[in-house]
Protein backbone atom coordinates (compact mmCIF):
# COMPACT_ATOMS: atom_id res chain seq x y z
CA MET A 1 -24.83 0.94 -1.21
CA ALA A 2 -27.54 1.77 -3.73
CA ALA A 3 -31.00 2.13 -2.20
CA ALA A 4 -33.80 -0.31 -3.04
CA GLY A 5 -35.48 0.58 -6.30
CA SER A 6 -32.64 2.81 -7.47
CA ASN A 7 -30.01 2.12 -10.13
CA PRO A 8 -28.24 -1.06 -8.92
CA HIS A 9 -25.09 0.03 -10.76
CA ARG A 10 -24.92 3.42 -9.02
CA GLN A 11 -23.04 4.00 -5.78
CA ASP A 12 -23.87 7.17 -3.89
CA ASN A 13 -21.82 8.99 -1.26
CA GLN A 14 -19.04 6.46 -0.75
CA ALA A 15 -15.85 7.16 1.18
CA VAL A 16 -12.88 7.19 -1.20
CA TYR A 17 -9.31 8.31 -1.78
CA VAL A 18 -7.84 9.24 -5.15
CA LEU A 19 -4.92 6.95 -5.98
CA HIS A 20 -4.06 8.21 -9.45
CA THR A 21 -5.39 10.18 -12.41
CA TYR A 22 -4.39 10.27 -16.08
CA PRO A 23 -5.78 11.95 -19.22
CA PHE A 24 -8.68 10.35 -21.05
CA LYS A 25 -9.85 11.65 -24.42
CA GLU A 26 -9.68 15.43 -24.90
CA THR A 27 -11.10 16.87 -21.69
CA SER A 28 -11.59 13.98 -19.28
CA LEU A 29 -9.56 12.01 -16.75
CA VAL A 30 -9.43 8.41 -15.64
CA VAL A 31 -9.55 8.48 -11.84
CA GLU A 32 -8.42 5.42 -9.90
CA LEU A 33 -10.22 5.43 -6.54
CA PHE A 34 -9.68 3.38 -3.39
CA ALA A 35 -13.22 3.04 -2.04
CA HIS A 36 -14.42 1.75 1.31
CA GLY A 37 -16.37 -1.45 0.67
CA PHE A 38 -15.49 -1.56 -3.04
CA GLY A 39 -11.70 -1.65 -3.23
CA ARG A 40 -9.98 -0.12 -6.26
CA VAL A 41 -12.49 1.42 -8.67
CA ALA A 42 -11.62 2.91 -12.08
CA THR A 43 -13.80 5.86 -13.11
CA THR A 44 -13.93 8.57 -15.75
CA ALA A 45 -14.32 12.19 -14.69
CA LYS A 46 -15.88 13.78 -17.77
CA GLY A 47 -14.67 17.29 -18.52
CA ALA A 48 -12.37 17.31 -15.46
CA ARG A 49 -9.47 18.74 -17.48
CA ARG A 50 -11.43 21.85 -18.36
CA PRO A 51 -10.25 24.93 -16.37
CA ARG A 52 -13.71 25.61 -14.94
CA SER A 53 -14.49 22.00 -14.00
CA ALA A 54 -15.98 21.81 -10.49
CA MET A 55 -14.40 18.39 -10.00
CA ARG A 56 -10.91 19.37 -11.09
CA GLY A 57 -9.90 20.88 -7.75
CA MET A 58 -11.24 17.91 -5.82
CA LEU A 59 -9.04 15.30 -7.47
CA GLN A 60 -6.32 15.38 -4.83
CA SER A 61 -4.55 12.34 -3.44
CA PHE A 62 -4.44 11.64 0.32
CA GLN A 63 -7.64 13.58 1.07
CA PRO A 64 -10.75 11.81 2.41
CA LEU A 65 -13.48 12.30 -0.20
CA ILE A 66 -17.09 11.30 -0.77
CA ALA A 67 -17.81 10.03 -4.29
CA THR A 68 -20.78 9.01 -6.40
CA TRP A 69 -20.28 6.86 -9.50
CA SER A 70 -22.23 4.48 -11.74
CA GLY A 71 -21.69 1.96 -14.50
CA LYS A 72 -21.84 -1.75 -15.30
CA LEU A 73 -18.44 -1.99 -16.99
CA GLU A 74 -15.01 -1.94 -15.36
CA LEU A 75 -14.62 1.76 -16.17
CA LYS A 76 -17.35 3.63 -14.26
CA THR A 77 -18.56 7.22 -14.60
CA LEU A 78 -17.66 9.52 -11.71
CA HIS A 79 -20.57 11.89 -11.08
CA SER A 80 -19.48 13.90 -8.05
CA LEU A 81 -16.86 14.42 -5.35
CA GLU A 82 -17.13 16.17 -1.99
CA TRP A 83 -14.69 16.72 0.85
CA GLY A 84 -15.00 13.92 3.38
CA GLY A 85 -13.24 15.34 6.40
CA GLY A 86 -10.26 17.33 7.60
CA LEU A 87 -7.55 18.02 5.04
CA LEU A 88 -4.21 16.22 5.35
CA LEU A 89 -0.94 17.90 4.47
CA LEU A 90 1.88 15.59 3.42
CA LYS A 91 5.18 17.35 2.79
CA GLY A 92 8.65 16.39 1.59
CA GLU A 93 9.59 12.77 2.25
CA ALA A 94 6.16 12.06 3.76
CA LEU A 95 4.58 13.11 0.45
CA MET A 96 6.81 10.70 -1.46
CA CYS A 97 5.87 7.96 1.03
CA GLY A 98 2.20 8.67 0.28
CA PHE A 99 2.76 8.30 -3.45
CA TYR A 100 4.61 5.06 -2.71
CA LEU A 101 1.58 3.67 -0.84
CA ASN A 102 -0.64 4.64 -3.75
CA GLU A 103 1.62 2.94 -6.27
CA LEU A 104 1.65 -0.23 -4.17
CA LEU A 105 -2.15 -0.26 -4.10
CA LEU A 106 -2.38 0.37 -7.84
CA ARG A 107 0.01 -2.48 -8.59
CA LEU A 108 -1.17 -5.09 -6.08
CA LEU A 109 -4.83 -4.43 -5.29
CA PRO A 110 -7.21 -6.04 -7.82
CA ARG A 111 -10.02 -3.83 -9.06
CA GLU A 112 -13.35 -4.06 -7.22
CA ASP A 113 -12.00 -6.42 -4.56
CA PRO A 114 -13.29 -4.98 -1.25
CA HIS A 115 -10.72 -4.62 1.50
CA GLU A 116 -12.39 -2.55 4.19
CA ALA A 117 -9.75 -3.25 6.85
CA LEU A 118 -7.01 -2.21 4.42
CA PHE A 119 -8.93 0.97 3.55
CA GLU A 120 -9.10 1.89 7.23
CA TYR A 121 -5.42 1.08 7.70
CA TYR A 122 -4.48 3.17 4.67
CA SER A 123 -6.46 6.10 6.07
CA ALA A 124 -4.75 5.77 9.45
CA THR A 125 -1.32 5.46 7.80
CA LEU A 126 -1.82 8.72 5.90
CA LYS A 127 -2.46 10.49 9.20
CA VAL A 128 0.76 9.05 10.63
CA LEU A 129 2.69 10.16 7.54
CA ALA A 130 1.23 13.66 7.89
CA SER A 131 2.82 13.86 11.34
CA GLY A 132 6.22 13.32 9.68
CA GLN A 133 7.36 10.91 12.39
CA ASP A 134 9.21 7.62 11.87
CA LEU A 135 8.48 7.30 8.15
CA ALA A 136 10.50 4.13 7.57
CA THR A 137 8.69 2.16 10.27
CA THR A 138 5.34 3.45 9.00
CA LEU A 139 6.18 2.08 5.53
CA ARG A 140 7.24 -1.32 6.91
CA ARG A 141 3.97 -1.66 8.80
CA PHE A 142 1.90 -0.77 5.76
CA GLU A 143 3.85 -3.06 3.42
CA LEU A 144 3.33 -6.01 5.76
CA LYS A 145 -0.34 -5.21 6.36
CA LEU A 146 -0.95 -4.89 2.62
CA LEU A 147 0.51 -8.30 1.79
CA GLN A 148 -1.32 -9.94 4.68
CA GLU A 149 -4.67 -8.36 3.75
CA LEU A 150 -4.24 -9.48 0.14
CA GLY A 151 -3.93 -13.06 1.35
CA TYR A 152 -0.22 -13.66 0.94
CA ALA A 153 1.14 -15.93 3.66
CA ILE A 154 3.91 -14.08 5.49
CA PRO A 155 4.69 -16.40 8.43
CA LEU A 156 6.76 -14.63 11.05
CA HIS A 157 6.42 -16.51 14.35
CA LYS A 158 7.24 -20.03 13.11
CA ASP A 159 9.76 -21.40 10.62
CA GLU A 160 9.19 -23.69 7.65
CA SER A 161 9.36 -26.72 9.98
CA ASP A 162 6.58 -25.25 12.16
CA GLU A 163 9.04 -24.54 14.97
CA VAL A 164 8.86 -21.31 16.94
CA ILE A 165 11.35 -18.68 15.73
CA VAL A 166 14.46 -18.43 17.96
CA GLU A 167 15.80 -14.94 18.65
CA ASP A 168 19.52 -15.56 18.01
CA GLN A 169 19.08 -18.10 15.20
CA ILE A 170 20.04 -17.12 11.64
CA TYR A 171 17.36 -17.82 9.03
CA ARG A 172 16.89 -17.60 5.30
CA TYR A 173 13.44 -16.22 4.46
CA GLN A 174 11.96 -17.20 1.10
CA ALA A 175 8.71 -15.95 -0.42
CA GLU A 176 5.89 -18.52 -0.21
CA HIS A 177 8.00 -20.72 2.08
CA GLY A 178 8.97 -18.68 5.12
CA ALA A 179 12.03 -18.97 7.36
CA THR A 180 14.55 -21.82 7.20
CA LYS A 181 17.31 -22.27 9.79
CA LEU A 182 20.87 -21.66 8.66
CA ASN A 183 23.99 -22.83 10.43
CA ASN A 184 26.40 -20.32 8.92
CA THR A 185 27.03 -16.63 9.42
CA PHE A 186 25.70 -13.72 7.40
CA ASN A 187 26.79 -13.36 3.76
CA GLY A 188 28.08 -9.81 4.05
CA GLY A 189 26.25 -6.62 4.88
CA SER A 190 23.25 -6.80 2.56
CA GLY A 191 21.64 -9.76 4.26
CA ARG A 192 20.57 -11.16 0.88
CA ALA A 193 21.21 -14.84 0.31
CA LYS A 194 21.17 -16.43 -3.14
CA TYR A 195 17.49 -17.28 -2.60
CA GLY A 196 15.57 -15.07 -0.23
CA VAL A 197 16.88 -12.88 2.58
CA GLN A 198 19.14 -13.77 5.47
CA LEU A 199 18.16 -12.39 8.86
CA LEU A 200 18.10 -13.01 12.59
CA GLY A 201 15.18 -14.58 14.38
CA ARG A 202 14.90 -11.44 16.49
CA THR A 203 13.83 -9.48 13.42
CA LEU A 204 10.91 -11.85 12.77
CA ILE A 205 9.95 -11.83 16.46
CA ASP A 206 10.03 -8.02 16.53
CA MET A 207 7.92 -7.79 13.38
CA THR A 208 5.39 -10.19 14.89
CA GLY A 209 5.15 -7.89 17.90
CA ASP A 210 5.09 -4.72 15.74
CA ASP A 211 8.31 -3.55 17.42
CA TYR A 212 10.72 -1.80 15.04
CA SER A 213 12.76 0.01 17.68
CA HIS A 214 15.97 -2.03 17.28
CA PRO A 215 18.30 -0.72 14.50
CA GLN A 216 18.97 -4.23 13.19
CA THR A 217 15.25 -4.95 12.99
CA GLN A 218 14.75 -1.72 11.06
CA GLN A 219 17.42 -2.66 8.54
CA GLN A 220 16.53 -6.33 8.13
CA SER A 221 12.77 -5.73 7.96
CA LYS A 222 13.40 -3.25 5.14
CA GLN A 223 15.44 -5.88 3.26
CA LEU A 224 12.78 -8.52 3.85
CA MET A 225 9.86 -6.36 2.72
CA ARG A 226 11.77 -5.10 -0.33
CA TYR A 227 12.46 -8.70 -1.33
CA LEU A 228 8.87 -9.87 -0.76
CA LEU A 229 7.35 -6.95 -2.64
CA ALA A 230 9.72 -7.50 -5.57
CA HIS A 231 8.62 -11.14 -5.66
CA TYR A 232 4.92 -10.30 -5.81
CA LEU A 233 5.28 -7.27 -8.09
CA GLY A 234 7.26 -9.13 -10.74
CA ASP A 235 9.72 -7.60 -13.18
CA LYS A 236 8.28 -4.08 -13.33
CA PRO A 237 9.88 -1.96 -10.57
CA LEU A 238 8.10 0.68 -8.52
CA HIS A 239 8.96 4.22 -9.60
CA THR A 240 8.48 5.68 -6.13
CA ARG A 241 10.57 2.98 -4.43
CA GLN A 242 13.72 4.13 -6.24
CA LEU A 243 12.96 7.75 -5.33
CA LEU A 244 12.67 6.80 -1.65
CA ILE A 245 15.95 4.88 -1.81
CA ASP A 246 17.62 7.89 -3.41
CA LEU A 247 16.25 10.21 -0.70
CA GLN A 248 16.98 8.44 2.55
CA GLY A 249 16.96 4.71 1.99
CA LEU A 250 13.41 4.46 3.33
């Protein structure tokens, strides 16, 4: 935070990640940051498109950075960036997963809405992605954590009637309502009912316990999270989601 007596609209040496950049005017960039204690912050990096810009090489996604910015308006001025720790190397599918996380944050996280726990979880998730292990499960965990941290009710351990989820019971899960018991069998392989997603109670129990080891839980949790994210994102699809589906159905 700004020190007493200093510019109250200036933030010095804050932990950040770069979510996205795009051109601004002739030589500058708009840099969307995810900042610890500040949430998503939009800044301008003046002259960052010039070949000799000191900041240009620092504007890399997935790297822990230390930033200083100032400004009273929504679009701040980015003054400096420094390396904030060890470099992370995301390759191949893991790299696409990283861009997917960033797009989710850009679409769902309001600007300047602090989410410190989510920032820490995002940082930890990038390290898991860098290991290249179990990418699909890593995405499911982050998707669920993101919606929960943003305040969306995602009840998993009880159904709409406030009864404890039963492992072998078939449910229909609807956004903003939760799970409702069904007395019929699955509607084909997709698991999608007319409204919501059809799944087994075991999937919800496993997700509550953060256990994605069962193949059916892996498949049904993916269907559930895809449905919930589509509900909260609205009509505009995620670009990176389709790329992940095309790659490996992640």
